[in-house]
Amino acid sequence: MRQQTLADGSFEKFRKKTRKELFLDDMEQIIPWQYLFVASEPYHPKPEGACRRPAGIERMLRLHSV
């Protein structure tokens, strides 16, 4: 059994959102992600054979948008 800390839940409801969390929440509301995923899907590489699989289209779009 693990010892509980103050961060385990009792004070979580009083935690303030960080600037990073606020920025990502704003991006989630502003950018139409589903349309971008569909529009860029034909250009995303599709692996053939025994090569390394590319990162997902969602991850790549979100990463390059920040």
Protein backbone atom coordinates (compact mmCIF):
# COMPACT_ATOMS: atom_id res chain seq x y z
CA MET A 1 0.00 0.00 0.00
CA ARG A 2 1.26 3.43 -0.90
CA GLN A 3 1.21 6.39 1.45
CA GLN A 4 -1.23 9.09 0.43
CA THR A 5 -0.03 12.63 -0.20
CA LEU A 6 -1.84 15.94 -0.27
CA ALA A 7 -1.81 15.86 -4.07
CA ASP A 8 -3.77 12.60 -4.20
CA GLY A 9 -7.16 14.19 -4.39
CA SER A 10 -8.21 16.37 -1.53
CA PHE A 11 -6.61 19.51 -2.97
CA GLU A 12 -7.00 18.62 -6.65
CA LYS A 13 -10.26 20.53 -6.94
CA PHE A 14 -8.50 23.74 -5.84
CA ARG A 15 -5.68 23.40 -8.35
CA LYS A 16 -5.34 26.23 -10.85
CA LYS A 17 -4.90 25.41 -14.54
CA THR A 18 -1.46 26.14 -15.95
CA ARG A 19 -0.91 28.46 -18.90
CA LYS A 20 -0.09 25.43 -21.03
CA GLU A 21 -3.38 23.72 -20.12
CA LEU A 22 -5.33 26.91 -20.84
CA PHE A 23 -3.60 27.31 -24.22
CA LEU A 24 -4.31 23.70 -25.21
CA ASP A 25 -7.96 24.05 -24.16
CA ASP A 26 -8.27 27.16 -26.34
CA MET A 27 -6.68 25.35 -29.28
CA GLU A 28 -9.10 22.46 -28.83
CA GLN A 29 -12.06 24.86 -29.13
CA ILE A 30 -10.74 26.99 -32.00
CA ILE A 31 -9.17 24.52 -34.43
CA PRO A 32 -11.47 22.13 -36.37
CA TRP A 33 -9.25 19.05 -35.84
CA GLN A 34 -11.49 16.48 -37.53
CA TYR A 35 -11.56 18.44 -40.81
CA LEU A 36 -7.77 18.80 -40.75
CA PHE A 37 -7.30 15.07 -40.14
CA VAL A 38 -9.52 14.16 -43.07
CA ALA A 39 -7.94 16.75 -45.38
CA SER A 40 -4.36 15.68 -44.65
CA GLU A 41 -4.95 11.91 -44.58
CA PRO A 42 -4.12 11.34 -48.30
CA TYR A 43 -0.69 12.94 -47.82
CA HIS A 44 0.27 11.03 -44.67
CA PRO A 45 2.73 8.18 -45.39
CA LYS A 46 1.41 4.64 -45.25
CA PRO A 47 4.03 2.04 -44.33
CA GLU A 48 4.64 -0.94 -46.57
CA GLY A 49 6.88 -3.77 -45.52
CA ALA A 50 8.93 -4.05 -42.36
CA CYS A 51 9.75 -0.39 -41.79
CA ARG A 52 9.04 1.78 -38.79
CA ARG A 53 5.43 2.90 -38.61
CA PRO A 54 4.98 6.70 -38.80
CA ALA A 55 3.40 8.61 -35.95
CA GLY A 56 -0.35 9.06 -36.16
CA ILE A 57 -1.80 11.90 -38.19
CA GLU A 58 -3.50 13.40 -35.13
CA ARG A 59 -0.30 13.49 -33.12
CA MET A 60 1.69 15.05 -35.96
CA LEU A 61 -0.87 17.80 -36.67
CA ARG A 62 -1.21 18.73 -33.02
CA LEU A 63 2.55 18.70 -32.52
CA HIS A 64 3.26 20.99 -35.46
CA SER A 65 0.38 23.35 -34.61
CA VAL A 66 1.84 24.35 -31.26
